[in-house]
Amino acid sequence: MSKNSIATPGRNVVVVGTQWGDEGKGKLVDWLTESAQGVVRFQGGHNAGHTLVINGVKTALHLIPSGIMRAGVKCYVGNGVVLSVGKLFEEIAGLEKAGVEVRSRLRVSEACPLILPFHAAIDIAREAAKVKAGTEKIGTTGRGIGPAYEDKIARRALRVQDLKYPERFAAKLRELLALHNHVLTTWLHSADMAWDEKLALYMKDGEIQFDPVYNEAMAQAELLKPMIADVSRELNDANQAGANLLFEGAQGTLLDIDHGTYPFVTSSNCVAGNAAAGSGVGPGMLHYVLGITKAYCTRVGGGPFPTELEWEKEGTPGWHMATVGAEKGVTTGRSRRCGWFDAALLKRSAQVNGLSGLCITKLDVLDGLSELKLCTGYELDGEIIDILPMGAEDIARCTPVYETLPGWSETSVGATRYEQLPLNAQRYLTRIQETTGVPIHVVSTSPDRDHTILLKHPFQA
C-alpha cells in the first residue's frame, strides 16, 4: 500500500461544561460542527437541554447531538447515554417538522441502557418521599435518569440491543418490574400518590404494568432498528478515515457523580475523560478539551453554591443576571440560581477535565453592571484555600473571597472581534485567565451562532 493511500486520522475535540451545566454548550457544539464530520453524546439522558439559535430561530435538544442542525453531519448517541426511546422519537418528530433530516444521520449505540416508565416513577416517588420527610431534595428532573443508571451499575438493565429480541426483552422486563414495583409500593407508597397523566397510563394500584410497557417498547423497536449501530466501531473507523469528531458533554463538571457537589449531582460522569468510556474510543483519540464557562455562575436545583446572589430581588446584580440572561432551565423550565464568577471552582474543573482552553459565554449579560466581583478562593475553617473542596458539606461551609472589578456600560452583544469588546470587558476576561490558569480561546457574545469571537480554533490548536 502506498503512502498516499493511507488517510490521516481526524482531529477530535471534547466540549464540557465547567460549572453546574447550562453554560451554553449547545451553541458552541453547533458552531464547532462546521469543522467536524461527526458529533457524539457520551453521557446523561433527556435530563440535558441544549438551546440553539440559528437565524433567529430557537431549537431545544435533549438527546440528539447539537450537530444535527448542520446538514451532512453524522450524530452518534454513545453507550454512556441512558435512552428514553419515546423521548428520542418526540425529538426526531420535532426536528423533522422543522425540515431537518435526522434518521439517516443518527446512530444509536446498541449498548445504551433504556429508560422505562418505572424509572421515572421511582425518581418522582423518591423526591416526594424526601419532601414528606422534611429533607432536602436532590433536585432531579424526575425523568428516571438516576434509577436507569442504577440498573446499569447493578448489571440488570435492559439495553437497546435487547429491543431486537422480544422474548429476551420480555423476560428481563418481568424481572425488573417485580423488583421496582416492590420498591414503589412497599417503600415509596406509590398507591397513595397522584401521578401525572403520562405515567398513569402504565400504572394500576401504584404498580407499573407489563403490557403497556412491553407493547410500547416493541412498537418503538421497529422504528429504532435502522438507527441501532456499533457506535464504537463506527467512530473509530470514521476517525481513521480522516473524520473530525466532536464529543458533546451534557450537564456540567460540578454535577459529575464523582467530582461534583455530591450528593447534589447527576448520575453520570460529566468530565472529559468519560468521552472515551461513554462512546467506545481510546483516550488517545481525545486531542483537545474545550471548557464552556459562563461569565458568571448559575445552578438549578439543590446543593451548595458559594457565590450565589440574591437573584429574586429586582435591581440586584443577581436579578440582572437572571432576567437579562433568561435563566430558565431548557429541560424543566426551573429558574436558575445566579451568582458571581468563581475562579476557584474553575480550577477544580480545569484539574479534573485537563482543559486545553476556555470558551466564555454570556459575557453580554454583564453589560450594564457598574462593578463585578470575581471569587478567587474561600475561607474554610479559618484558612484561605484557592480551589473548590470535594463534597457538598465542605463547600457549604465556604465563604467566598472576592476581587472587585469595574463593569462596563457599553454593549458587547454581537461582537465578533476581541477589540470590539468594551475595555473593561477585556480586562475582566484577562483576570479570568490569570486566576484560573486556563487560556480563553473563544468568547460568545449572544446565543446566535455567528456572534462568536475566535482567538484559537480548537480543531487547529
Protein backbone atom coordinates (compact mmCIF):
# COMPACT_ATOMS: atom_id res chain seq x y z
CA MET A 1 0.00 0.00 0.00
CA SER A 2 1.42 3.39 -0.95
CA LYS A 3 1.75 6.27 1.47
CA ASN A 4 -0.80 8.27 -0.47
CA SER A 5 -3.49 5.64 0.13
CA ILE A 6 -3.30 5.92 3.92
CA ALA A 7 -5.69 8.54 5.30
CA THR A 8 -4.56 10.92 8.01
CA PRO A 9 -6.73 10.37 11.12
CA GLY A 10 -9.06 13.21 12.05
CA ARG A 11 -8.69 15.56 14.99
CA ASN A 12 -11.15 15.32 17.88
CA VAL A 13 -12.45 17.85 20.38
CA VAL A 14 -14.34 17.31 23.64
CA VAL A 15 -16.75 20.01 24.82
CA VAL A 16 -17.64 20.02 28.52
CA GLY A 17 -19.43 22.36 30.89
CA THR A 18 -17.16 23.58 33.67
CA GLN A 19 -19.80 24.73 36.18
CA TRP A 20 -23.25 23.29 37.04
CA GLY A 21 -24.47 22.93 33.46
CA ASP A 22 -26.44 25.43 31.35
CA GLU A 23 -23.21 27.10 30.21
CA GLY A 24 -24.22 27.32 26.55
CA LYS A 25 -22.59 24.14 25.24
CA GLY A 26 -25.21 23.62 22.53
CA LYS A 27 -24.35 26.79 20.64
CA LEU A 28 -20.62 26.03 20.72
CA VAL A 29 -21.07 22.43 19.61
CA ASP A 30 -23.23 23.62 16.74
CA TRP A 31 -20.66 26.30 15.85
CA LEU A 32 -17.70 23.90 16.03
CA THR A 33 -19.56 21.33 13.94
CA GLU A 34 -18.63 23.39 10.90
CA SER A 35 -15.21 21.72 11.30
CA ALA A 36 -16.48 18.24 12.24
CA GLN A 37 -17.97 15.32 10.39
CA GLY A 38 -19.43 13.63 13.47
CA VAL A 39 -20.88 14.72 16.84
CA VAL A 40 -21.17 12.35 19.80
CA ARG A 41 -23.24 12.40 23.01
CA PHE A 42 -21.46 10.25 25.61
CA GLN A 43 -23.39 10.56 28.91
CA GLY A 44 -26.62 11.68 30.55
CA GLY A 45 -30.12 11.30 29.20
CA HIS A 46 -33.01 13.59 28.34
CA ASN A 47 -32.31 15.49 31.55
CA ALA A 48 -29.90 17.55 29.44
CA GLY A 49 -31.06 20.53 27.45
CA HIS A 50 -29.23 22.49 24.76
CA THR A 51 -30.71 25.60 23.17
CA LEU A 52 -29.54 26.70 19.72
CA VAL A 53 -30.46 29.96 18.00
CA ILE A 54 -29.81 29.86 14.27
CA ASN A 55 -31.00 32.72 12.08
CA GLY A 56 -33.15 33.89 14.95
CA VAL A 57 -34.96 30.54 15.33
CA LYS A 58 -34.69 28.78 18.71
CA THR A 59 -34.33 24.98 18.84
CA ALA A 60 -34.13 22.91 22.05
CA LEU A 61 -32.43 19.49 22.04
CA HIS A 62 -32.32 16.98 24.89
CA LEU A 63 -30.92 13.72 23.46
CA ILE A 64 -29.86 14.24 19.86
CA PRO A 65 -26.41 15.85 19.48
CA SER A 66 -26.46 19.53 18.56
CA GLY A 67 -24.63 18.78 15.32
CA ILE A 68 -27.93 17.57 13.84
CA MET A 69 -28.62 21.17 12.81
CA ARG A 70 -25.72 21.00 10.32
CA ALA A 71 -26.59 19.22 7.09
CA GLY A 72 -24.44 16.19 6.32
CA VAL A 73 -23.00 15.77 9.83
CA LYS A 74 -23.42 12.34 11.43
CA CYS A 75 -24.68 12.23 15.02
CA TYR A 76 -23.98 9.45 17.50
CA VAL A 77 -25.57 8.51 20.81
CA GLY A 78 -22.89 6.63 22.71
CA ASN A 79 -23.18 3.76 25.18
CA GLY A 80 -22.77 6.15 28.14
CA VAL A 81 -26.19 7.67 27.47
CA VAL A 82 -29.33 6.30 29.14
CA LEU A 83 -32.01 6.36 26.47
CA SER A 84 -35.73 7.03 26.56
CA VAL A 85 -36.76 5.81 23.11
CA GLY A 86 -40.09 7.62 23.36
CA LYS A 87 -38.40 10.95 24.07
CA LEU A 88 -35.93 10.32 21.26
CA PHE A 89 -38.75 9.96 18.74
CA GLU A 90 -40.53 13.03 20.11
CA GLU A 91 -37.36 14.98 19.40
CA ILE A 92 -36.96 13.44 15.94
CA ALA A 93 -40.55 14.39 15.10
CA GLY A 94 -39.97 17.99 16.15
CA LEU A 95 -36.83 18.27 14.03
CA GLU A 96 -38.45 16.65 11.03
CA LYS A 97 -41.35 19.08 11.31
CA ALA A 98 -38.78 21.88 11.04
CA GLY A 99 -37.35 20.29 7.89
CA VAL A 100 -34.26 18.67 9.44
CA GLU A 101 -33.27 15.23 8.12
CA VAL A 102 -32.48 13.07 11.16
CA ARG A 103 -32.93 9.33 10.72
CA SER A 104 -30.31 8.74 8.01
CA ARG A 105 -27.71 10.65 10.08
CA LEU A 106 -28.38 9.35 13.60
CA ARG A 107 -26.65 6.27 15.06
CA VAL A 108 -27.60 4.87 18.47
CA SER A 109 -25.33 2.52 20.41
CA GLU A 110 -26.81 -0.91 20.99
CA ALA A 111 -25.23 -0.78 24.47
CA CYS A 112 -27.29 2.21 25.71
CA PRO A 113 -29.33 1.32 28.80
CA LEU A 114 -33.04 2.05 28.37
CA ILE A 115 -35.09 4.43 30.50
CA LEU A 116 -38.51 2.88 31.08
CA PRO A 117 -41.63 4.20 32.87
CA PHE A 118 -40.77 2.60 36.21
CA HIS A 119 -37.51 4.55 36.30
CA ALA A 120 -39.39 7.85 36.13
CA ALA A 121 -41.92 6.64 38.73
CA ILE A 122 -39.16 5.77 41.20
CA ASP A 123 -37.38 9.07 40.56
CA ILE A 124 -40.54 11.09 41.26
CA ALA A 125 -41.58 8.98 44.26
CA ARG A 126 -38.16 9.29 45.92
CA GLU A 127 -38.16 13.09 45.66
CA ALA A 128 -41.71 13.16 47.02
CA ALA A 129 -40.63 10.98 49.94
CA LYS A 130 -37.83 13.44 50.76
CA VAL A 131 -40.30 16.32 50.83
CA LYS A 132 -42.64 14.34 53.06
CA ALA A 133 -39.77 13.54 55.43
CA GLY A 134 -38.67 17.17 55.54
CA THR A 135 -35.26 16.51 53.99
CA GLU A 136 -33.70 18.43 51.10
CA LYS A 137 -34.45 17.14 47.62
CA ILE A 138 -31.59 16.32 45.26
CA GLY A 139 -33.42 18.36 42.62
CA THR A 140 -33.63 15.71 39.91
CA THR A 141 -35.67 16.28 36.74
CA GLY A 142 -37.92 13.34 37.65
CA ARG A 143 -37.22 11.70 34.29
CA GLY A 144 -35.73 8.44 35.54
CA ILE A 145 -32.09 9.07 34.72
CA GLY A 146 -30.69 8.10 38.15
CA PRO A 147 -32.71 4.88 38.52
CA ALA A 148 -31.75 3.85 34.97
CA TYR A 149 -28.06 4.25 35.81
CA GLU A 150 -28.64 2.23 38.99
CA ASP A 151 -29.92 -0.67 36.90
CA LYS A 152 -26.86 -0.36 34.65
CA ILE A 153 -24.42 -0.50 37.56
CA ALA A 154 -26.36 -3.36 39.15
CA ARG A 155 -25.96 -5.25 35.83
CA ARG A 156 -29.69 -5.74 35.32
CA ALA A 157 -30.50 -3.00 32.78
CA LEU A 158 -32.47 -3.53 29.63
CA ARG A 159 -30.35 -2.17 26.77
CA VAL A 160 -31.08 -1.04 23.23
CA GLN A 161 -29.79 -4.34 21.85
CA ASP A 162 -32.48 -6.20 23.86
CA LEU A 163 -35.17 -4.50 21.77
CA LYS A 164 -34.14 -6.74 18.85
CA TYR A 165 -35.09 -9.90 20.78
CA PRO A 166 -38.73 -9.77 22.06
CA GLU A 167 -38.60 -12.90 24.22
CA ARG A 168 -35.37 -11.83 25.90
CA PHE A 169 -36.74 -8.34 26.42
CA ALA A 170 -39.95 -9.68 27.97
CA ALA A 171 -38.13 -11.95 30.43
CA LYS A 172 -35.82 -9.17 31.62
CA LEU A 173 -38.71 -6.72 31.85
CA ARG A 174 -40.70 -9.05 34.13
CA GLU A 175 -37.72 -9.34 36.48
CA LEU A 176 -37.25 -5.58 36.60
CA LEU A 177 -40.95 -4.94 37.20
CA ALA A 178 -41.01 -7.39 40.10
CA LEU A 179 -38.12 -5.55 41.76
CA HIS A 180 -39.16 -1.96 41.05
CA ASN A 181 -42.86 -2.44 41.78
CA HIS A 182 -41.89 -3.87 45.16
CA VAL A 183 -39.86 -0.74 45.89
CA LEU A 184 -42.62 1.55 44.61
CA THR A 185 -45.45 0.00 46.61
CA THR A 186 -43.67 -1.13 49.78
CA TRP A 187 -41.13 1.62 50.38
CA LEU A 188 -42.37 4.60 48.41
CA HIS A 189 -46.14 4.13 48.88
CA SER A 190 -46.87 4.73 45.21
CA ALA A 191 -50.52 3.68 45.54
CA ASP A 192 -51.14 6.81 47.63
CA MET A 193 -49.59 9.20 45.11
CA ALA A 194 -51.26 11.26 42.40
CA TRP A 195 -49.46 10.53 39.13
CA ASP A 196 -49.39 12.67 36.02
CA GLU A 197 -51.42 11.58 33.01
CA LYS A 198 -48.50 10.06 31.11
CA LEU A 199 -47.26 7.80 33.91
CA ALA A 200 -50.81 6.92 34.95
CA LEU A 201 -51.23 5.15 31.60
CA TYR A 202 -48.75 2.49 32.75
CA MET A 203 -49.99 2.13 36.33
CA LYS A 204 -52.58 0.26 38.34
CA ASP A 205 -52.75 0.43 42.13
CA GLY A 206 -49.33 2.05 42.23
CA GLU A 207 -47.63 -0.64 40.13
CA ILE A 208 -46.23 -0.31 36.60
CA GLN A 209 -47.98 -2.86 34.38
CA PHE A 210 -46.16 -5.20 31.98
CA ASP A 211 -48.38 -4.98 28.88
CA PRO A 212 -48.30 -1.21 28.19
CA VAL A 213 -44.53 -1.04 28.73
CA TYR A 214 -43.80 -4.10 26.59
CA ASN A 215 -46.17 -3.22 23.76
CA GLU A 216 -44.85 0.32 23.52
CA ALA A 217 -41.23 -0.87 23.54
CA MET A 218 -41.83 -3.38 20.75
CA ALA A 219 -43.53 -0.76 18.58
CA GLN A 220 -40.65 1.65 19.15
CA ALA A 221 -38.11 -1.08 18.42
CA GLU A 222 -39.24 -1.39 14.81
CA LEU A 223 -38.69 2.34 14.26
CA LEU A 224 -35.35 2.39 16.07
CA LYS A 225 -33.73 -0.66 14.46
CA PRO A 226 -32.40 1.16 11.36
CA MET A 227 -30.53 3.57 13.65
CA ILE A 228 -29.03 0.96 16.02
CA ALA A 229 -25.28 0.60 15.50
CA ASP A 230 -21.93 -0.48 16.87
CA VAL A 231 -21.09 3.16 17.61
CA SER A 232 -17.62 2.36 18.94
CA ARG A 233 -16.65 0.68 15.66
CA GLU A 234 -18.17 3.43 13.53
CA LEU A 235 -16.42 6.21 15.44
CA ASN A 236 -13.02 4.52 15.23
CA ASP A 237 -13.46 3.77 11.52
CA ALA A 238 -14.61 7.32 10.74
CA ASN A 239 -11.73 8.89 12.63
CA GLN A 240 -9.15 6.65 10.98
CA ALA A 241 -10.60 7.64 7.61
CA GLY A 242 -9.95 11.31 8.42
CA ALA A 243 -13.20 12.48 10.04
CA ASN A 244 -13.01 15.09 12.79
CA LEU A 245 -15.20 14.16 15.76
CA LEU A 246 -16.79 16.42 18.36
CA PHE A 247 -17.75 14.90 21.73
CA GLU A 248 -20.62 16.78 23.35
CA GLY A 249 -20.90 16.68 27.14
CA ALA A 250 -24.17 17.19 28.98
CA GLN A 251 -24.71 18.88 32.36
CA GLY A 252 -21.50 20.26 33.92
CA THR A 253 -18.39 19.23 35.83
CA LEU A 254 -19.78 20.20 39.25
CA LEU A 255 -22.68 17.81 38.62
CA ASP A 256 -20.33 14.90 37.94
CA ILE A 257 -21.16 11.87 40.10
CA ASP A 258 -17.54 11.63 41.35
CA HIS A 259 -16.15 15.16 41.12
CA GLY A 260 -19.23 17.30 41.69
CA THR A 261 -21.01 18.66 44.76
CA TYR A 262 -22.00 15.16 45.88
CA PRO A 263 -24.76 14.15 46.62
CA PHE A 264 -26.32 17.10 44.75
CA VAL A 265 -25.11 15.79 41.40
CA THR A 266 -26.32 13.92 38.35
CA SER A 267 -25.89 10.16 37.94
CA SER A 268 -23.14 10.05 35.31
CA ASN A 269 -19.58 11.25 34.76
CA CYS A 270 -19.73 14.62 33.00
CA VAL A 271 -15.97 15.13 32.80
CA ALA A 272 -13.98 14.96 29.57
CA GLY A 273 -12.40 11.58 30.31
CA ASN A 274 -15.79 9.92 30.07
CA ALA A 275 -15.98 10.84 26.40
CA ALA A 276 -13.78 7.79 25.83
CA ALA A 277 -15.64 5.29 28.03
CA GLY A 278 -19.06 6.65 27.10
CA SER A 279 -18.59 6.26 23.36
CA GLY A 280 -16.11 3.45 22.94
CA VAL A 281 -12.95 5.22 21.81
CA GLY A 282 -9.49 5.25 23.36
CA PRO A 283 -8.39 8.26 25.44
CA GLY A 284 -5.63 8.92 22.92
CA MET A 285 -8.35 9.98 20.48
CA LEU A 286 -9.29 12.97 22.67
CA HIS A 287 -6.98 15.69 21.38
CA TYR A 288 -8.37 18.94 22.81
CA VAL A 289 -10.79 19.73 25.68
CA LEU A 290 -12.83 22.95 25.50
CA GLY A 291 -14.38 24.08 28.77
CA ILE A 292 -17.60 26.05 28.30
CA THR A 293 -17.84 28.64 31.06
CA LYS A 294 -20.41 31.33 31.78
CA ALA A 295 -19.08 34.80 32.59
CA TYR A 296 -20.98 34.33 35.88
CA CYS A 297 -22.35 31.22 37.61
CA THR A 298 -25.77 29.56 37.66
CA ARG A 299 -27.18 26.45 39.24
CA VAL A 300 -30.52 24.61 39.00
CA GLY A 301 -31.82 22.51 41.87
CA GLY A 302 -30.47 21.94 45.37
CA GLY A 303 -26.92 21.95 46.67
CA PRO A 304 -24.24 24.43 47.77
CA PHE A 305 -23.38 27.46 45.63
CA PRO A 306 -20.67 29.61 47.29
CA THR A 307 -21.05 32.75 45.13
CA GLU A 308 -24.86 32.71 44.96
CA LEU A 309 -26.51 36.14 44.93
CA GLU A 310 -29.99 37.33 45.85
CA TRP A 311 -31.36 36.74 42.37
CA GLU A 312 -35.08 37.12 43.02
CA LYS A 313 -34.92 40.75 44.20
CA GLU A 314 -35.38 43.35 41.48
CA GLY A 315 -32.49 45.77 40.99
CA THR A 316 -29.77 43.46 42.32
CA PRO A 317 -26.87 42.05 40.23
CA GLY A 318 -28.39 38.57 40.65
CA TRP A 319 -31.72 39.80 39.32
CA HIS A 320 -29.89 41.37 36.37
CA MET A 321 -28.19 38.06 35.53
CA ALA A 322 -31.43 36.09 35.88
CA THR A 323 -33.54 38.41 33.75
CA VAL A 324 -31.08 39.58 31.09
CA GLY A 325 -29.65 36.06 30.84
CA ALA A 326 -33.15 34.49 30.67
CA GLU A 327 -32.02 31.94 33.25
CA LYS A 328 -34.66 29.25 32.97
CA GLY A 329 -33.81 25.58 32.51
CA VAL A 330 -34.28 24.24 28.96
CA THR A 331 -35.42 20.82 30.17
CA THR A 332 -37.56 21.66 33.21
CA GLY A 333 -38.27 25.39 32.99
CA ARG A 334 -36.99 25.82 36.55
CA SER A 335 -35.38 29.15 37.48
CA ARG A 336 -31.60 29.05 37.71
CA ARG A 337 -29.91 30.43 40.80
CA CYS A 338 -27.35 33.10 39.85
CA GLY A 339 -24.03 34.25 41.31
CA TRP A 340 -20.63 35.78 40.64
CA PHE A 341 -17.92 34.05 38.61
CA ASP A 342 -15.99 31.51 40.69
CA ALA A 343 -12.35 31.06 39.63
CA ALA A 344 -11.61 28.60 42.44
CA LEU A 345 -14.42 26.38 41.18
CA LEU A 346 -12.98 26.60 37.67
CA LYS A 347 -9.57 25.50 38.95
CA ARG A 348 -11.20 22.26 40.09
CA SER A 349 -12.88 21.85 36.70
CA ALA A 350 -9.62 22.51 34.86
CA GLN A 351 -7.88 19.90 37.01
CA VAL A 352 -10.37 17.06 36.52
CA ASN A 353 -11.00 17.75 32.81
CA GLY A 354 -7.49 18.63 31.62
CA LEU A 355 -8.85 21.73 29.92
CA SER A 356 -6.98 22.94 26.84
CA GLY A 357 -8.88 26.21 26.61
CA LEU A 358 -12.00 28.07 27.70
CA CYS A 359 -14.99 29.42 25.86
CA ILE A 360 -16.59 32.24 27.86
CA THR A 361 -20.32 32.52 27.20
CA LYS A 362 -22.95 35.11 28.10
CA LEU A 363 -20.40 37.89 28.55
CA ASP A 364 -23.05 40.21 27.10
CA VAL A 365 -25.34 39.51 30.08
CA LEU A 366 -22.96 41.52 32.27
CA ASP A 367 -23.33 44.63 30.10
CA GLY A 368 -24.64 47.48 32.26
CA LEU A 369 -23.37 46.32 35.66
CA SER A 370 -21.24 49.04 37.27
CA GLU A 371 -18.98 46.60 39.11
CA LEU A 372 -18.27 42.90 39.10
CA LYS A 373 -16.99 40.52 41.74
CA LEU A 374 -14.76 37.56 40.98
CA CYS A 375 -14.24 34.80 43.53
CA THR A 376 -10.57 33.80 43.80
CA GLY A 377 -10.85 31.41 46.76
CA TYR A 378 -12.65 30.69 50.01
CA GLU A 379 -12.25 30.92 53.74
CA LEU A 380 -12.80 27.49 55.28
CA ASP A 381 -12.12 26.70 58.94
CA GLY A 382 -10.04 29.85 59.31
CA GLU A 383 -7.83 29.14 56.29
CA ILE A 384 -7.82 30.61 52.78
CA ILE A 385 -7.99 27.98 50.04
CA ASP A 386 -7.81 28.61 46.28
CA ILE A 387 -9.64 25.56 44.91
CA LEU A 388 -13.15 24.17 45.42
CA PRO A 389 -13.23 21.44 48.11
CA MET A 390 -14.62 17.99 47.39
CA GLY A 391 -18.17 17.26 48.54
CA ALA A 392 -21.21 19.33 49.40
CA GLU A 393 -20.66 19.53 53.14
CA ASP A 394 -17.32 21.35 52.98
CA ILE A 395 -18.42 23.52 50.04
CA ALA A 396 -21.47 24.67 52.01
CA ARG A 397 -19.15 25.96 54.76
CA CYS A 398 -17.03 28.04 52.36
CA THR A 399 -17.10 31.83 52.47
CA PRO A 400 -16.03 33.29 49.10
CA VAL A 401 -13.08 35.67 48.84
CA TYR A 402 -13.73 38.30 46.17
CA GLU A 403 -11.88 40.73 43.96
CA THR A 404 -13.89 43.72 42.71
CA LEU A 405 -13.51 44.80 39.09
CA PRO A 406 -15.10 47.71 37.20
CA GLY A 407 -18.03 46.87 34.96
CA TRP A 408 -18.95 48.47 31.65
CA SER A 409 -21.90 50.37 30.22
CA GLU A 410 -21.14 49.74 26.54
CA THR A 411 -22.68 46.78 24.70
CA SER A 412 -20.76 43.63 23.87
CA VAL A 413 -23.70 41.97 22.10
CA GLY A 414 -22.81 40.57 18.71
CA ALA A 415 -19.07 41.33 18.86
CA THR A 416 -17.08 39.08 16.54
CA ARG A 417 -13.59 40.53 17.17
CA TYR A 418 -11.87 40.85 20.53
CA GLU A 419 -11.05 44.53 20.05
CA GLN A 420 -14.79 45.25 19.66
CA LEU A 421 -15.36 44.36 23.32
CA PRO A 422 -15.54 47.16 25.91
CA LEU A 423 -12.12 47.74 27.50
CA ASN A 424 -13.33 46.67 30.97
CA ALA A 425 -14.81 43.50 29.48
CA GLN A 426 -11.37 42.69 28.05
CA ARG A 427 -9.81 43.31 31.46
CA TYR A 428 -12.39 41.04 33.09
CA LEU A 429 -11.53 38.23 30.65
CA THR A 430 -7.81 38.74 31.26
CA ARG A 431 -8.38 38.39 35.00
CA ILE A 432 -10.34 35.17 34.47
CA GLN A 433 -7.37 33.71 32.58
CA GLU A 434 -4.94 34.84 35.29
CA THR A 435 -6.96 33.44 38.21
CA THR A 436 -7.87 30.12 36.61
CA GLY A 437 -4.65 29.41 34.72
CA VAL A 438 -6.57 28.41 31.58
CA PRO A 439 -6.36 30.38 28.31
CA ILE A 440 -9.53 31.77 26.74
CA HIS A 441 -9.79 30.59 23.14
CA VAL A 442 -13.41 31.52 22.31
CA VAL A 443 -15.87 34.18 23.53
CA SER A 444 -19.61 34.04 22.85
CA THR A 445 -21.41 37.40 22.74
CA SER A 446 -25.01 36.26 22.16
CA PRO A 447 -26.92 33.00 21.61
CA ASP A 448 -26.69 33.44 17.83
CA ARG A 449 -24.31 31.09 16.02
CA ASP A 450 -22.41 33.91 14.31
CA HIS A 451 -21.84 36.10 17.38
CA THR A 452 -18.60 34.42 18.38
CA ILE A 453 -15.04 35.67 18.87
CA LEU A 454 -12.42 33.10 17.88
CA LEU A 455 -8.97 33.52 19.40
CA LYS A 456 -7.68 29.98 18.81
CA HIS A 457 -9.59 27.25 16.98
CA PRO A 458 -9.94 24.01 18.99
CA PHE A 459 -9.64 21.87 15.86
CA GLN A 460 -6.40 23.62 14.93
CA ALA A 461 -4.88 24.26 18.38
